[in-house]
Amino acid sequence: MPAILIVVLLIIGVAVTLVVVGIRNPQAQNDRLLQDRLDEFSQTGEQFTLEDLEMSAPFTDRIIFPIARKLGELTMKFTPENWLTSISRKLELSGSTKMDPTMFLALQFVSAVCFGGGIFVILSMGSNDVSTGMKLLYTLVLTLVGFFFPQYSLSTKITKRQKEVRKSLPDALDLLTICVEAGLGFDAAMAKVAQKWSSQLSLAFTRVLQEIQLGQLRREALRSMAENVEVSELTSFVAAVIQSEQLGVSMARVLRIQADQMRVKRRQRAEEEAHKAPIKMLLPMAFIIFPSLLIVLLAPAALTLIQSGMFGG
């Protein structure tokens, strides 16, 4: 049993190390570090070989990170294509730029090993009242929970991002309208919004501007933004902007109409959430608040009746 515990702990430690290092060292960061080392060698003026350059890199960049990437690529070979596409789509919707499907799959397996291995170690180090079959059952259940926990966390992040975009969209449209009416172009107005705020919507606007600078058409960049967020209000706004651009309608007028509509929708969503509040409070009141109130109010009366001998005490 001690040998099994040591092996499990070693597997958990190695898996966590590989994934953490892989997440913290994306390919872009590796390229930047390589360029920094090249600049450093070029400034010193010393002669160096490719081996010297490789050995100058940290141990994690030379050994651990390549192993993590190879394990992720090996995992992808046995993963269905539809699953990889779904994971990639969810990562785009969540706004994650430092993680690819390979690292996310590795994170799922590491989470499964940590949950399953952790409960197995805890049960093994405790009392022997739990049978081996129950230990295996608990380990299997926690392993499945650990495997799907990153999926749940990713879905939660997507929902949070979409709520933030819906909440900030009316105010962003107001600022866009003011900037356009003041004489700025639409691209310059988006840049101004991106500078003033730090939110998911401003990041989406920044990405649109970067794609336009790289040569992509504005309507294509806006459609890509709407697809990467999947918020109905943002999709409606993008469609109105593209239509006004194609038909030659005043952009300021379209933006003002869209801003008014977004404020109305935000007020309607707030009223809808307010109407849902009593229903959501029903279960906590029925199972938590009411029993506590009954105990506080009726316990003294019950004790008094018992002490009076009414029940034959």
Protein backbone atom coordinates (compact mmCIF):
# COMPACT_ATOMS: atom_id res chain seq x y z
CA MET A 1 0.00 0.00 0.00
CA PRO A 2 2.77 2.60 0.71
CA ALA A 3 4.27 1.84 -2.69
CA ILE A 4 0.92 2.46 -4.39
CA LEU A 5 0.51 5.75 -2.54
CA ILE A 6 3.99 6.88 -3.58
CA VAL A 7 3.29 6.02 -7.24
CA VAL A 8 -0.04 7.86 -7.20
CA LEU A 9 1.52 10.94 -5.63
CA LEU A 10 4.35 10.92 -8.17
CA ILE A 11 1.89 10.66 -11.08
CA ILE A 12 -0.18 13.55 -9.71
CA GLY A 13 2.91 15.69 -9.17
CA VAL A 14 4.34 15.07 -12.64
CA ALA A 15 0.96 15.64 -14.34
CA VAL A 16 0.31 18.91 -12.49
CA THR A 17 3.83 20.14 -13.25
CA LEU A 18 3.51 19.38 -16.96
CA VAL A 19 0.16 21.12 -17.36
CA VAL A 20 1.08 24.17 -15.28
CA VAL A 21 4.31 24.65 -17.19
CA GLY A 22 2.49 24.12 -20.48
CA ILE A 23 -0.17 26.70 -19.64
CA ARG A 24 2.36 29.25 -18.46
CA ASN A 25 4.59 28.79 -21.51
CA PRO A 26 2.57 29.19 -24.73
CA GLN A 27 4.30 29.03 -28.07
CA ALA A 28 4.36 32.82 -28.47
CA GLN A 29 6.18 33.20 -25.17
CA ASN A 30 8.73 30.59 -26.22
CA ASP A 31 9.38 32.50 -29.44
CA ARG A 32 9.86 35.72 -27.49
CA LEU A 33 12.33 34.07 -25.10
CA LEU A 34 14.26 32.65 -28.04
CA GLN A 35 14.43 36.11 -29.64
CA ASP A 36 15.63 37.63 -26.35
CA ARG A 37 18.45 35.09 -26.10
CA LEU A 38 19.44 35.77 -29.71
CA ASP A 39 19.57 39.51 -29.01
CA GLU A 40 21.63 38.92 -25.90
CA PHE A 41 24.21 36.82 -27.77
CA SER A 42 24.34 39.29 -30.65
CA GLN A 43 25.04 42.21 -28.29
CA THR A 44 27.95 40.43 -26.60
CA GLY A 45 29.56 39.71 -29.96
CA GLU A 46 30.66 36.22 -28.91
CA GLN A 47 30.60 33.23 -31.23
CA PHE A 48 28.02 30.65 -30.27
CA THR A 49 26.56 27.48 -31.67
CA LEU A 50 23.01 26.18 -31.78
CA GLU A 51 23.82 23.82 -28.91
CA ASP A 52 24.99 26.73 -26.75
CA LEU A 53 21.80 28.60 -27.54
CA GLU A 54 19.63 25.61 -26.62
CA MET A 55 21.53 24.94 -23.40
CA SER A 56 21.08 28.57 -22.35
CA ALA A 57 17.31 28.04 -22.13
CA PRO A 58 15.74 27.17 -18.75
CA PHE A 59 15.24 23.52 -17.83
CA THR A 60 11.46 23.84 -18.10
CA ASP A 61 11.68 25.16 -21.68
CA ARG A 62 14.14 22.44 -22.75
CA ILE A 63 12.65 19.37 -21.05
CA ILE A 64 9.31 19.73 -19.29
CA PHE A 65 7.37 21.86 -21.76
CA PRO A 66 8.25 19.74 -24.84
CA ILE A 67 7.20 16.61 -22.93
CA ALA A 68 3.87 18.23 -21.99
CA ARG A 69 3.22 19.23 -25.59
CA LYS A 70 4.09 15.76 -26.88
CA LEU A 71 1.72 14.18 -24.36
CA GLY A 72 -1.01 16.60 -25.44
CA GLU A 73 -0.43 15.76 -29.10
CA LEU A 74 -0.55 12.05 -28.27
CA THR A 75 -3.87 12.57 -26.46
CA MET A 76 -5.33 14.39 -29.46
CA LYS A 77 -4.67 11.38 -31.69
CA PHE A 78 -7.15 9.33 -29.65
CA THR A 79 -9.71 12.10 -29.25
CA PRO A 80 -12.70 12.40 -31.63
CA GLU A 81 -12.55 15.32 -34.02
CA ASN A 82 -15.99 16.59 -32.98
CA TRP A 83 -14.85 16.79 -29.37
CA LEU A 84 -11.74 18.76 -30.31
CA THR A 85 -13.87 21.13 -32.40
CA SER A 86 -16.28 21.61 -29.50
CA ILE A 87 -13.43 22.33 -27.07
CA SER A 88 -11.84 24.79 -29.49
CA ARG A 89 -15.18 26.56 -29.92
CA LYS A 90 -15.72 26.82 -26.16
CA LEU A 91 -12.22 28.19 -25.67
CA GLU A 92 -12.97 30.89 -28.25
CA LEU A 93 -16.26 31.77 -26.53
CA SER A 94 -14.54 31.97 -23.15
CA GLY A 95 -11.91 34.36 -24.48
CA SER A 96 -9.02 32.10 -23.47
CA THR A 97 -5.93 33.00 -25.45
CA LYS A 98 -3.28 31.12 -23.45
CA MET A 99 -4.74 27.64 -23.81
CA ASP A 100 -5.33 25.44 -26.83
CA PRO A 101 -7.36 22.20 -27.07
CA THR A 102 -4.21 20.16 -26.44
CA MET A 103 -3.52 21.77 -23.08
CA PHE A 104 -7.21 21.71 -22.12
CA LEU A 105 -7.38 17.95 -22.69
CA ALA A 106 -4.22 17.51 -20.65
CA LEU A 107 -5.80 19.65 -17.92
CA GLN A 108 -8.86 17.38 -17.89
CA PHE A 109 -6.74 14.27 -17.41
CA VAL A 110 -4.66 15.94 -14.72
CA SER A 111 -7.81 17.04 -12.91
CA ALA A 112 -9.18 13.49 -13.10
CA VAL A 113 -5.94 12.06 -11.69
CA CYS A 114 -5.85 14.67 -8.92
CA PHE A 115 -9.46 14.10 -7.84
CA GLY A 116 -9.33 10.31 -8.08
CA GLY A 117 -5.82 9.93 -6.70
CA GLY A 118 -6.50 12.40 -3.91
CA ILE A 119 -9.59 10.58 -2.61
CA PHE A 120 -7.79 7.24 -2.92
CA VAL A 121 -4.87 8.53 -0.85
CA ILE A 122 -7.21 10.00 1.77
CA LEU A 123 -9.21 6.77 2.10
CA SER A 124 -6.04 4.66 2.23
CA MET A 125 -4.45 6.80 4.94
CA GLY A 126 -7.61 6.77 7.04
CA SER A 127 -9.23 3.94 8.94
CA ASN A 128 -9.70 0.53 7.37
CA ASP A 129 -13.49 0.59 7.86
CA VAL A 130 -14.00 1.33 4.18
CA SER A 131 -13.81 -1.76 2.01
CA THR A 132 -11.66 -2.00 -1.09
CA GLY A 133 -14.73 -2.03 -3.35
CA MET A 134 -16.04 1.20 -1.85
CA LYS A 135 -12.59 2.79 -2.20
CA LEU A 136 -12.54 1.91 -5.89
CA LEU A 137 -16.10 3.19 -6.31
CA TYR A 138 -15.30 6.53 -4.65
CA THR A 139 -12.12 6.79 -6.72
CA LEU A 140 -14.02 6.14 -9.96
CA VAL A 141 -16.73 8.69 -9.13
CA LEU A 142 -14.23 11.40 -8.14
CA THR A 143 -12.16 10.65 -11.24
CA LEU A 144 -15.18 11.31 -13.46
CA VAL A 145 -15.99 14.45 -11.50
CA GLY A 146 -12.41 15.66 -11.92
CA PHE A 147 -12.45 14.91 -15.64
CA PHE A 148 -15.57 16.98 -16.28
CA PHE A 149 -14.76 19.74 -13.79
CA PRO A 150 -12.71 21.79 -16.33
CA GLN A 151 -15.67 21.56 -18.74
CA TYR A 152 -17.97 22.98 -16.06
CA SER A 153 -15.46 25.71 -15.22
CA LEU A 154 -15.17 26.61 -18.91
CA SER A 155 -18.96 26.80 -19.33
CA THR A 156 -19.16 29.04 -16.27
CA LYS A 157 -16.49 31.32 -17.73
CA ILE A 158 -18.42 31.54 -21.03
CA THR A 159 -21.64 32.50 -19.24
CA LYS A 160 -19.84 35.10 -17.15
CA ARG A 161 -18.22 36.63 -20.23
CA GLN A 162 -21.54 36.83 -22.09
CA LYS A 163 -23.25 38.47 -19.11
CA GLU A 164 -20.47 41.04 -18.89
CA VAL A 165 -20.79 41.84 -22.59
CA ARG A 166 -24.59 42.24 -22.30
CA LYS A 167 -24.20 44.51 -19.29
CA SER A 168 -21.56 46.80 -20.82
CA LEU A 169 -22.97 46.95 -24.37
CA PRO A 170 -25.51 49.82 -23.84
CA ASP A 171 -22.91 52.08 -22.21
CA ALA A 172 -20.39 51.25 -24.94
CA LEU A 173 -22.95 52.14 -27.62
CA ASP A 174 -23.64 55.46 -25.90
CA LEU A 175 -19.94 56.29 -26.00
CA LEU A 176 -19.71 55.14 -29.62
CA THR A 177 -22.65 57.39 -30.51
CA ILE A 178 -21.09 60.41 -28.80
CA CYS A 179 -17.75 59.84 -30.53
CA VAL A 180 -19.31 59.39 -33.99
CA GLU A 181 -21.54 62.45 -33.56
CA ALA A 182 -18.46 64.41 -32.51
CA GLY A 183 -16.85 63.66 -35.86
CA LEU A 184 -14.79 60.53 -35.27
CA GLY A 185 -14.92 57.59 -37.62
CA PHE A 186 -16.37 54.28 -36.50
CA ASP A 187 -12.95 52.64 -36.14
CA ALA A 188 -11.62 55.59 -34.13
CA ALA A 189 -14.73 55.46 -31.92
CA MET A 190 -14.16 51.75 -31.22
CA ALA A 191 -10.53 52.53 -30.38
CA LYS A 192 -11.71 55.21 -27.94
CA VAL A 193 -14.06 52.72 -26.23
CA ALA A 194 -11.26 50.18 -25.99
CA GLN A 195 -9.01 52.80 -24.37
CA LYS A 196 -11.57 54.02 -21.84
CA TRP A 197 -12.76 50.66 -20.53
CA SER A 198 -11.20 47.39 -19.52
CA SER A 199 -13.83 44.72 -20.12
CA GLN A 200 -14.56 41.77 -22.36
CA LEU A 201 -16.35 44.04 -24.84
CA SER A 202 -13.38 46.40 -25.07
CA LEU A 203 -11.11 43.41 -25.68
CA ALA A 204 -13.44 42.30 -28.49
CA PHE A 205 -13.29 45.80 -30.01
CA THR A 206 -9.49 45.73 -29.76
CA ARG A 207 -9.40 42.43 -31.61
CA VAL A 208 -11.62 43.86 -34.36
CA LEU A 209 -9.28 46.81 -34.79
CA GLN A 210 -6.25 44.53 -34.95
CA GLU A 211 -7.88 42.37 -37.62
CA ILE A 212 -8.76 45.48 -39.64
CA GLN A 213 -5.14 46.66 -39.42
CA LEU A 214 -4.03 43.26 -40.72
CA GLY A 215 -6.11 43.81 -43.86
CA GLN A 216 -9.42 42.14 -43.05
CA LEU A 217 -12.63 43.87 -44.08
CA ARG A 218 -14.51 45.66 -41.34
CA ARG A 219 -17.71 43.68 -41.83
CA GLU A 220 -15.81 40.39 -41.68
CA ALA A 221 -14.04 41.44 -38.49
CA LEU A 222 -17.34 42.49 -36.92
CA ARG A 223 -19.01 39.20 -37.90
CA SER A 224 -16.07 37.32 -36.39
CA MET A 225 -16.49 39.29 -33.15
CA ALA A 226 -20.20 38.42 -33.00
CA GLU A 227 -19.44 34.73 -33.61
CA ASN A 228 -16.74 34.66 -30.90
CA VAL A 229 -19.10 36.08 -28.28
CA GLU A 230 -22.51 34.64 -29.27
CA VAL A 231 -24.62 37.35 -27.65
CA SER A 232 -27.85 38.14 -29.46
CA GLU A 233 -27.66 41.87 -28.70
CA LEU A 234 -24.13 42.11 -30.07
CA THR A 235 -25.13 40.14 -33.17
CA SER A 236 -28.03 42.56 -33.77
CA PHE A 237 -25.70 45.54 -33.35
CA VAL A 238 -23.16 44.11 -35.82
CA ALA A 239 -25.91 43.41 -38.37
CA ALA A 240 -27.21 46.97 -38.08
CA VAL A 241 -23.72 48.46 -38.52
CA ILE A 242 -22.99 46.31 -41.57
CA GLN A 243 -26.36 47.16 -43.11
CA SER A 244 -25.88 50.89 -42.54
CA GLU A 245 -22.44 50.67 -44.15
CA GLN A 246 -23.81 48.89 -47.20
CA LEU A 247 -26.87 51.17 -47.62
CA GLY A 248 -25.12 54.43 -46.80
CA VAL A 249 -27.32 55.24 -43.79
CA SER A 250 -26.02 57.68 -41.18
CA MET A 251 -23.88 55.74 -38.69
CA ALA A 252 -24.64 58.11 -35.82
CA ARG A 253 -28.39 57.62 -36.24
CA VAL A 254 -28.04 53.83 -36.35
CA LEU A 255 -25.86 53.84 -33.25
CA ARG A 256 -28.33 56.02 -31.33
CA ILE A 257 -31.23 53.72 -32.21
CA GLN A 258 -29.19 50.67 -31.20
CA ALA A 259 -28.18 52.31 -27.91
CA ASP A 260 -31.84 53.06 -27.08
CA GLN A 261 -32.84 49.49 -27.89
CA MET A 262 -30.01 48.03 -25.77
CA ARG A 263 -31.01 50.12 -22.77
CA VAL A 264 -34.61 48.92 -23.11
CA LYS A 265 -33.44 45.30 -23.32
CA ARG A 266 -31.20 45.72 -20.27
CA ARG A 267 -34.12 47.14 -18.29
CA GLN A 268 -36.31 44.24 -19.40
CA ARG A 269 -33.67 41.70 -18.34
CA ALA A 270 -33.40 43.39 -14.94
CA GLU A 271 -37.19 43.20 -14.49
CA GLU A 272 -37.15 39.55 -15.55
CA GLU A 273 -34.47 38.72 -12.98
CA ALA A 274 -36.45 40.58 -10.34
CA HIS A 275 -39.54 38.49 -11.11
CA LYS A 276 -37.49 35.30 -10.84
CA ALA A 277 -36.11 36.24 -7.42
CA PRO A 278 -39.14 35.10 -5.32
CA ILE A 279 -39.13 31.70 -7.02
CA LYS A 280 -35.40 31.27 -6.44
CA MET A 281 -35.84 32.24 -2.79
CA LEU A 282 -38.59 29.66 -2.23
CA LEU A 283 -36.33 26.63 -1.71
CA PRO A 284 -33.91 28.32 0.71
CA MET A 285 -36.83 29.69 2.70
CA ALA A 286 -38.64 26.35 2.82
CA PHE A 287 -35.66 24.18 3.78
CA ILE A 288 -33.36 26.57 5.67
CA ILE A 289 -35.10 29.67 7.00
CA PHE A 290 -38.52 28.27 8.02
CA PRO A 291 -37.13 25.27 9.99
CA SER A 292 -34.80 27.60 11.90
CA LEU A 293 -37.67 29.97 12.69
CA LEU A 294 -39.83 27.07 13.89
CA ILE A 295 -37.06 25.85 16.17
CA VAL A 296 -36.46 29.32 17.62
CA LEU A 297 -40.18 30.05 18.15
CA LEU A 298 -41.53 26.67 19.21
CA ALA A 299 -38.61 25.19 21.17
CA PRO A 300 -39.23 27.29 24.36
CA ALA A 301 -42.94 26.44 24.30
CA ALA A 302 -42.19 22.75 23.81
CA LEU A 303 -39.70 22.73 26.71
CA THR A 304 -42.26 24.49 28.94
CA LEU A 305 -44.94 21.91 28.11
CA ILE A 306 -42.54 19.04 28.77
CA GLN A 307 -41.48 20.47 32.13
CA SER A 308 -45.13 21.01 33.14
CA GLY A 309 -45.82 17.27 32.88
CA MET A 310 -48.48 17.55 30.23
CA PHE A 311 -46.95 14.65 28.28
CA GLY A 312 -46.63 12.46 31.38
CA GLY A 313 -42.99 13.39 32.09
